[in-house]
Amino acid sequence: MKNMMKSLAVVAAVLSLTATAYAGECCVKAAKAAKEGKTCEKCEKDACCKKAVKAVGKDAKACEKCAAKEKK
């Protein structure tokens, strides 16, 4: 039973590291797009990407979609 619990803990750790690595790449892309004005915190779907865009802060330009909505 102890060996099974240890094995499950190792599997859970590996899966979480894999998910974190994938999320990191998409977040970097989202932050880059925010700096270019292609996306914003409101337009991002994933919570991790929203946090990454929010962290960019003052360096982010206004999103094209949201800026067009504000003009109307």
PDB file of N, CA and C in Angstrom:
ATOM      1  N   MET A   1       0.829  -1.198   0.000  1.00  0.00           N
ATOM      2  CA  MET A   1       0.000   0.000   0.000  1.00  0.00           C
ATOM      3  C   MET A   1       0.873   1.263   0.000  1.00  0.00           C
ATOM      4  N   LYS A   2       1.961   1.219   0.799  1.00  0.00           N
ATOM      5  CA  LYS A   2       2.851   2.379   0.846  1.00  0.00           C
ATOM      6  C   LYS A   2       3.528   2.608  -0.500  1.00  0.00           C
ATOM      7  N   ASN A   3       3.925   1.511  -1.150  1.00  0.00           N
ATOM      8  CA  ASN A   3       4.561   1.641  -2.465  1.00  0.00           C
ATOM      9  C   ASN A   3       3.601   2.218  -3.488  1.00  0.00           C
ATOM     10  N   MET A   4       2.344   1.821  -3.412  1.00  0.00           N
ATOM     11  CA  MET A   4       1.353   2.341  -4.339  1.00  0.00           C
ATOM     12  C   MET A   4       1.144   3.843  -4.121  1.00  0.00           C
ATOM     13  N   MET A   5       1.123   4.269  -2.887  1.00  0.00           N
ATOM     14  CA  MET A   5       0.946   5.695  -2.590  1.00  0.00           C
ATOM     15  C   MET A   5       2.144   6.501  -3.069  1.00  0.00           C
ATOM     16  N   LYS A   6       3.336   5.950  -2.896  1.00  0.00           N
ATOM     17  CA  LYS A   6       4.533   6.635  -3.385  1.00  0.00           C
ATOM     18  C   LYS A   6       4.512   6.743  -4.904  1.00  0.00           C
ATOM     19  N   SER A   7       4.090   5.679  -5.560  1.00  0.00           N
ATOM     20  CA  SER A   7       4.016   5.687  -7.019  1.00  0.00           C
ATOM     21  C   SER A   7       2.996   6.709  -7.512  1.00  0.00           C
ATOM     22  N   LEU A   8       1.863   6.780  -6.851  1.00  0.00           N
ATOM     23  CA  LEU A   8       0.845   7.768  -7.227  1.00  0.00           C
ATOM     24  C   LEU A   8       1.349   9.192  -7.007  1.00  0.00           C
ATOM     25  N   ALA A   9       2.111   9.399  -5.954  1.00  0.00           N
ATOM     26  CA  ALA A   9       2.669  10.730  -5.694  1.00  0.00           C
ATOM     27  C   ALA A   9       3.653  11.122  -6.782  1.00  0.00           C
ATOM     28  N   VAL A  10       4.469  10.185  -7.230  1.00  0.00           N
ATOM     29  CA  VAL A  10       5.430  10.458  -8.300  1.00  0.00           C
ATOM     30  C   VAL A  10       4.699  10.765  -9.604  1.00  0.00           C
ATOM     31  N   VAL A  11       3.680   9.998  -9.912  1.00  0.00           N
ATOM     32  CA  VAL A  11       2.904  10.229 -11.138  1.00  0.00           C
ATOM     33  C   VAL A  11       2.236  11.603 -11.086  1.00  0.00           C
ATOM     34  N   ALA A  12       1.681  11.962  -9.949  1.00  0.00           N
ATOM     35  CA  ALA A  12       1.034  13.271  -9.802  1.00  0.00           C
ATOM     36  C   ALA A  12       2.042  14.394  -9.974  1.00  0.00           C
ATOM     37  N   ALA A  13       3.240  14.230  -9.435  1.00  0.00           N
ATOM     38  CA  ALA A  13       4.274  15.256  -9.569  1.00  0.00           C
ATOM     39  C   ALA A  13       4.700  15.419 -11.027  1.00  0.00           C
ATOM     40  N   VAL A  14       4.865  14.321 -11.726  1.00  0.00           N
ATOM     41  CA  VAL A  14       5.268  14.386 -13.131  1.00  0.00           C
ATOM     42  C   VAL A  14       4.183  15.054 -13.972  1.00  0.00           C
ATOM     43  N   LEU A  15       2.933  14.710 -13.734  1.00  0.00           N
ATOM     44  CA  LEU A  15       1.836  15.322 -14.485  1.00  0.00           C
ATOM     45  C   LEU A  15       1.726  16.814 -14.223  1.00  0.00           C
ATOM     46  N   SER A  16       1.933  17.232 -12.985  1.00  0.00           N
ATOM     47  CA  SER A  16       1.846  18.660 -12.675  1.00  0.00           C
ATOM     48  C   SER A  16       2.988  19.426 -13.317  1.00  0.00           C
ATOM     49  N   LEU A  17       4.184  18.835 -13.364  1.00  0.00           N
ATOM     50  CA  LEU A  17       5.312  19.497 -14.018  1.00  0.00           C
ATOM     51  C   LEU A  17       5.098  19.605 -15.520  1.00  0.00           C
ATOM     52  N   THR A  18       4.509  18.592 -16.105  1.00  0.00           N
ATOM     53  CA  THR A  18       4.215  18.627 -17.534  1.00  0.00           C
ATOM     54  C   THR A  18       3.195  19.706 -17.843  1.00  0.00           C
ATOM     55  N   ALA A  19       2.164  19.809 -17.038  1.00  0.00           N
ATOM     56  CA  ALA A  19       1.134  20.831 -17.253  1.00  0.00           C
ATOM     57  C   ALA A  19       1.709  22.223 -17.051  1.00  0.00           C
ATOM     58  N   THR A  20       2.598  22.387 -16.083  1.00  0.00           N
ATOM     59  CA  THR A  20       3.206  23.689 -15.823  1.00  0.00           C
ATOM     60  C   THR A  20       4.077  24.118 -16.983  1.00  0.00           C
ATOM     61  N   ALA A  21       4.823  23.193 -17.557  1.00  0.00           N
ATOM     62  CA  ALA A  21       5.690  23.532 -18.689  1.00  0.00           C
ATOM     63  C   ALA A  21       4.863  23.983 -19.883  1.00  0.00           C
ATOM     64  N   TYR A  22       3.749  23.327 -20.132  1.00  0.00           N
ATOM     65  CA  TYR A  22       2.889  23.707 -21.244  1.00  0.00           C
ATOM     66  C   TYR A  22       2.250  25.065 -20.995  1.00  0.00           C
ATOM     67  N   ALA A  23       1.782  25.284 -19.778  1.00  0.00           N
ATOM     68  CA  ALA A  23       1.136  26.548 -19.452  1.00  0.00           C
ATOM     69  C   ALA A  23       2.132  27.699 -19.546  1.00  0.00           C
ATOM     70  N   GLY A  24       3.370  27.450 -19.211  1.00  0.00           N
ATOM     71  CA  GLY A  24       4.387  28.488 -19.269  1.00  0.00           C
ATOM     72  C   GLY A  24       4.600  28.991 -20.683  1.00  0.00           C
ATOM     73  N   GLU A  25       4.600  28.094 -21.657  1.00  0.00           N
ATOM     74  CA  GLU A  25       4.823  28.480 -23.045  1.00  0.00           C
ATOM     75  C   GLU A  25       3.673  29.331 -23.574  1.00  0.00           C
ATOM     76  N   CYS A  26       2.438  28.946 -23.258  1.00  0.00           N
ATOM     77  CA  CYS A  26       1.294  29.716 -23.752  1.00  0.00           C
ATOM     78  C   CYS A  26       1.246  31.080 -23.066  1.00  0.00           C
ATOM     79  N   CYS A  27       1.667  31.130 -21.815  1.00  0.00           N
ATOM     80  CA  CYS A  27       1.655  32.400 -21.090  1.00  0.00           C
ATOM     81  C   CYS A  27       2.685  33.371 -21.661  1.00  0.00           C
ATOM     82  N   VAL A  28       3.834  32.854 -22.065  1.00  0.00           N
ATOM     83  CA  VAL A  28       4.863  33.699 -22.683  1.00  0.00           C
ATOM     84  C   VAL A  28       4.344  34.280 -23.986  1.00  0.00           C
ATOM     85  N   LYS A  29       3.654  33.448 -24.770  1.00  0.00           N
ATOM     86  CA  LYS A  29       3.079  33.921 -26.033  1.00  0.00           C
ATOM     87  C   LYS A  29       2.006  34.979 -25.783  1.00  0.00           C
ATOM     88  N   ALA A  30       1.203  34.781 -24.742  1.00  0.00           N
ATOM     89  CA  ALA A  30       0.148  35.746 -24.420  1.00  0.00           C
ATOM     90  C   ALA A  30       0.739  37.072 -23.974  1.00  0.00           C
ATOM     91  N   ALA A  31       1.795  37.023 -23.170  1.00  0.00           N
ATOM     92  CA  ALA A  31       2.436  38.258 -22.716  1.00  0.00           C
ATOM     93  C   ALA A  31       3.055  39.011 -23.890  1.00  0.00           C
ATOM     94  N   LYS A  32       3.665  38.276 -24.819  1.00  0.00           N
ATOM     95  CA  LYS A  32       4.253  38.912 -26.007  1.00  0.00           C
ATOM     96  C   LYS A  32       3.166  39.564 -26.856  1.00  0.00           C
ATOM     97  N   ALA A  33       2.042  38.864 -27.021  1.00  0.00           N
ATOM     98  CA  ALA A  33       0.931  39.409 -27.799  1.00  0.00           C
ATOM     99  C   ALA A  33       0.345  40.646 -27.119  1.00  0.00           C
ATOM    100  N   ALA A  34       0.338  40.672 -25.801  1.00  0.00           N
ATOM    101  CA  ALA A  34      -0.176  41.840 -25.081  1.00  0.00           C
ATOM    102  C   ALA A  34       0.720  43.045 -25.292  1.00  0.00           C
ATOM    103  N   LYS A  35       2.013  42.815 -25.351  1.00  0.00           N
ATOM    104  CA  LYS A  35       2.944  43.920 -25.601  1.00  0.00           C
ATOM    105  C   LYS A  35       2.769  44.488 -26.997  1.00  0.00           C
ATOM    106  N   GLU A  36       2.343  43.634 -27.939  1.00  0.00           N
ATOM    107  CA  GLU A  36       2.128  44.066 -29.319  1.00  0.00           C
ATOM    108  C   GLU A  36       0.726  44.618 -29.551  1.00  0.00           C
ATOM    109  N   GLY A  37      -0.147  44.510 -28.541  1.00  0.00           N
ATOM    110  CA  GLY A  37      -1.502  45.024 -28.670  1.00  0.00           C
ATOM    111  C   GLY A  37      -2.460  44.073 -29.366  1.00  0.00           C
ATOM    112  N   LYS A  38      -2.118  42.797 -29.411  1.00  0.00           N
ATOM    113  CA  LYS A  38      -2.963  41.824 -30.088  1.00  0.00           C
ATOM    114  C   LYS A  38      -3.956  41.150 -29.152  1.00  0.00           C
ATOM    115  N   THR A  39      -3.737  41.191 -27.862  1.00  0.00           N
ATOM    116  CA  THR A  39      -4.637  40.588 -26.887  1.00  0.00           C
ATOM    117  C   THR A  39      -4.607  41.398 -25.599  1.00  0.00           C
ATOM    118  N   CYS A  40      -5.571  41.132 -24.737  1.00  0.00           N
ATOM    119  CA  CYS A  40      -5.600  41.790 -23.438  1.00  0.00           C
ATOM    120  C   CYS A  40      -6.126  40.810 -22.398  1.00  0.00           C
ATOM    121  N   GLU A  41      -6.159  41.236 -21.167  1.00  0.00           N
ATOM    122  CA  GLU A  41      -6.613  40.377 -20.074  1.00  0.00           C
ATOM    123  C   GLU A  41      -8.047  39.907 -20.275  1.00  0.00           C
ATOM    124  N   LYS A  42      -8.884  40.762 -20.835  1.00  0.00           N
ATOM    125  CA  LYS A  42     -10.294  40.424 -21.052  1.00  0.00           C
ATOM    126  C   LYS A  42     -10.467  39.391 -22.153  1.00  0.00           C
ATOM    127  N   CYS A  43      -9.602  39.391 -23.139  1.00  0.00           N
ATOM    128  CA  CYS A  43      -9.733  38.495 -24.293  1.00  0.00           C
ATOM    129  C   CYS A  43      -9.121  37.117 -24.064  1.00  0.00           C
ATOM    130  N   GLU A  44      -8.235  36.980 -23.104  1.00  0.00           N
ATOM    131  CA  GLU A  44      -7.613  35.681 -22.835  1.00  0.00           C
ATOM    132  C   GLU A  44      -8.602  34.751 -22.157  1.00  0.00           C
ATOM    133  N   LYS A  45      -8.556  33.467 -22.521  1.00  0.00           N
ATOM    134  CA  LYS A  45      -9.496  32.487 -21.987  1.00  0.00           C
ATOM    135  C   LYS A  45      -8.947  31.770 -20.763  1.00  0.00           C
ATOM    136  N   ASP A  46      -7.662  31.421 -20.766  1.00  0.00           N
ATOM    137  CA  ASP A  46      -7.068  30.656 -19.673  1.00  0.00           C
ATOM    138  C   ASP A  46      -6.664  31.573 -18.522  1.00  0.00           C
ATOM    139  N   ALA A  47      -6.863  31.094 -17.308  1.00  0.00           N
ATOM    140  CA  ALA A  47      -6.547  31.882 -16.116  1.00  0.00           C
ATOM    141  C   ALA A  47      -5.056  32.184 -16.027  1.00  0.00           C
ATOM    142  N   CYS A  48      -4.220  31.216 -16.411  1.00  0.00           N
ATOM    143  CA  CYS A  48      -2.771  31.443 -16.319  1.00  0.00           C
ATOM    144  C   CYS A  48      -2.335  32.530 -17.298  1.00  0.00           C
ATOM    145  N   CYS A  49      -2.930  32.546 -18.475  1.00  0.00           N
ATOM    146  CA  CYS A  49      -2.581  33.557 -19.476  1.00  0.00           C
ATOM    147  C   CYS A  49      -3.087  34.932 -19.051  1.00  0.00           C
ATOM    148  N   LYS A  50      -4.252  34.971 -18.402  1.00  0.00           N
ATOM    149  CA  LYS A  50      -4.773  36.238 -17.899  1.00  0.00           C
ATOM    150  C   LYS A  50      -3.815  36.838 -16.877  1.00  0.00           C
ATOM    151  N   LYS A  51      -3.264  35.986 -16.017  1.00  0.00           N
ATOM    152  CA  LYS A  51      -2.299  36.454 -15.016  1.00  0.00           C
ATOM    153  C   LYS A  51      -1.027  36.963 -15.678  1.00  0.00           C
ATOM    154  N   ALA A  52      -0.575  36.276 -16.724  1.00  0.00           N
ATOM    155  CA  ALA A  52       0.634  36.679 -17.431  1.00  0.00           C
ATOM    156  C   ALA A  52       0.437  38.029 -18.117  1.00  0.00           C
ATOM    157  N   VAL A  53      -0.717  38.223 -18.727  1.00  0.00           N
ATOM    158  CA  VAL A  53      -1.005  39.489 -19.404  1.00  0.00           C
ATOM    159  C   VAL A  53      -1.129  40.612 -18.381  1.00  0.00           C
ATOM    160  N   LYS A  54      -1.747  40.312 -17.249  1.00  0.00           N
ATOM    161  CA  LYS A  54      -1.890  41.307 -16.195  1.00  0.00           C
ATOM    162  C   LYS A  54      -0.531  41.706 -15.635  1.00  0.00           C
ATOM    163  N   ALA A  55       0.401  40.749 -15.577  1.00  0.00           N
ATOM    164  CA  ALA A  55       1.735  41.023 -15.062  1.00  0.00           C
ATOM    165  C   ALA A  55       2.521  41.946 -15.988  1.00  0.00           C
ATOM    166  N   VAL A  56       2.202  41.937 -17.279  1.00  0.00           N
ATOM    167  CA  VAL A  56       2.882  42.818 -18.225  1.00  0.00           C
ATOM    168  C   VAL A  56       2.597  44.272 -17.863  1.00  0.00           C
ATOM    169  N   GLY A  57       1.376  44.530 -17.425  1.00  0.00           N
ATOM    170  CA  GLY A  57       0.995  45.839 -16.894  1.00  0.00           C
ATOM    171  C   GLY A  57       1.119  46.981 -17.874  1.00  0.00           C
ATOM    172  N   LYS A  58       1.962  47.948 -17.547  1.00  0.00           N
ATOM    173  CA  LYS A  58       2.084  49.186 -18.319  1.00  0.00           C
ATOM    174  C   LYS A  58       2.702  48.983 -19.702  1.00  0.00           C
ATOM    175  N   ASP A  59       3.439  47.884 -19.886  1.00  0.00           N
ATOM    176  CA  ASP A  59       4.061  47.620 -21.181  1.00  0.00           C
ATOM    177  C   ASP A  59       3.048  47.154 -22.223  1.00  0.00           C
ATOM    178  N   ALA A  60       1.871  46.709 -21.770  1.00  0.00           N
ATOM    179  CA  ALA A  60       0.854  46.198 -22.687  1.00  0.00           C
ATOM    180  C   ALA A  60       0.136  47.346 -23.391  1.00  0.00           C
ATOM    181  N   LYS A  61      -0.093  47.158 -24.671  1.00  0.00           N
ATOM    182  CA  LYS A  61      -0.861  48.127 -25.457  1.00  0.00           C
ATOM    183  C   LYS A  61      -2.331  47.730 -25.413  1.00  0.00           C
ATOM    184  N   ALA A  62      -3.186  48.635 -25.801  1.00  0.00           N
ATOM    185  CA  ALA A  62      -4.617  48.330 -25.841  1.00  0.00           C
ATOM    186  C   ALA A  62      -4.897  47.291 -26.919  1.00  0.00           C
ATOM    187  N   CYS A  63      -5.728  46.329 -26.584  1.00  0.00           N
ATOM    188  CA  CYS A  63      -6.122  45.275 -27.517  1.00  0.00           C
ATOM    189  C   CYS A  63      -6.943  45.908 -28.645  1.00  0.00           C
ATOM    190  N   GLU A  64      -6.734  45.439 -29.867  1.00  0.00           N
ATOM    191  CA  GLU A  64      -7.435  46.001 -31.031  1.00  0.00           C
ATOM    192  C   GLU A  64      -8.944  45.851 -30.910  1.00  0.00           C
ATOM    193  N   LYS A  65      -9.406  44.661 -30.466  1.00  0.00           N
ATOM    194  CA  LYS A  65     -10.842  44.415 -30.339  1.00  0.00           C
ATOM    195  C   LYS A  65     -11.463  45.329 -29.279  1.00  0.00           C
ATOM    196  N   CYS A  66     -10.846  45.389 -28.121  1.00  0.00           N
ATOM    197  CA  CYS A  66     -11.403  46.167 -27.021  1.00  0.00           C
ATOM    198  C   CYS A  66     -11.291  47.676 -27.290  1.00  0.00           C
ATOM    199  N   ALA A  67     -10.230  48.085 -27.969  1.00  0.00           N
ATOM    200  CA  ALA A  67     -10.087  49.493 -28.303  1.00  0.00           C
ATOM    201  C   ALA A  67     -11.159  49.924 -29.297  1.00  0.00           C
ATOM    202  N   ALA A  68     -11.516  49.034 -30.236  1.00  0.00           N
ATOM    203  CA  ALA A  68     -12.575  49.346 -31.197  1.00  0.00           C
ATOM    204  C   ALA A  68     -13.926  49.441 -30.510  1.00  0.00           C
ATOM    205  N   LYS A  69     -14.160  48.583 -29.511  1.00  0.00           N
ATOM    206  CA  LYS A  69     -15.417  48.634 -28.775  1.00  0.00           C
ATOM    207  C   LYS A  69     -15.535  49.938 -27.973  1.00  0.00           C
ATOM    208  N   GLU A  70     -14.423  50.388 -27.403  1.00  0.00           N
ATOM    209  CA  GLU A  70     -14.443  51.626 -26.611  1.00  0.00           C
ATOM    210  C   GLU A  70     -14.693  52.854 -27.469  1.00  0.00           C
ATOM    211  N   LYS A  71     -14.234  52.831 -28.724  1.00  0.00           N
ATOM    212  CA  LYS A  71     -14.424  53.966 -29.610  1.00  0.00           C
ATOM    213  C   LYS A  71     -15.882  54.145 -29.985  1.00  0.00           C
ATOM    214  N   LYS A  72     -16.631  53.033 -30.040  1.00  0.00           N
ATOM    215  CA  LYS A  72     -18.042  53.109 -30.442  1.00  0.00           C
ATOM    216  C   LYS A  72     -18.843  53.593 -29.308  1.00  0.00           C
TER     217      LYS A  72
END
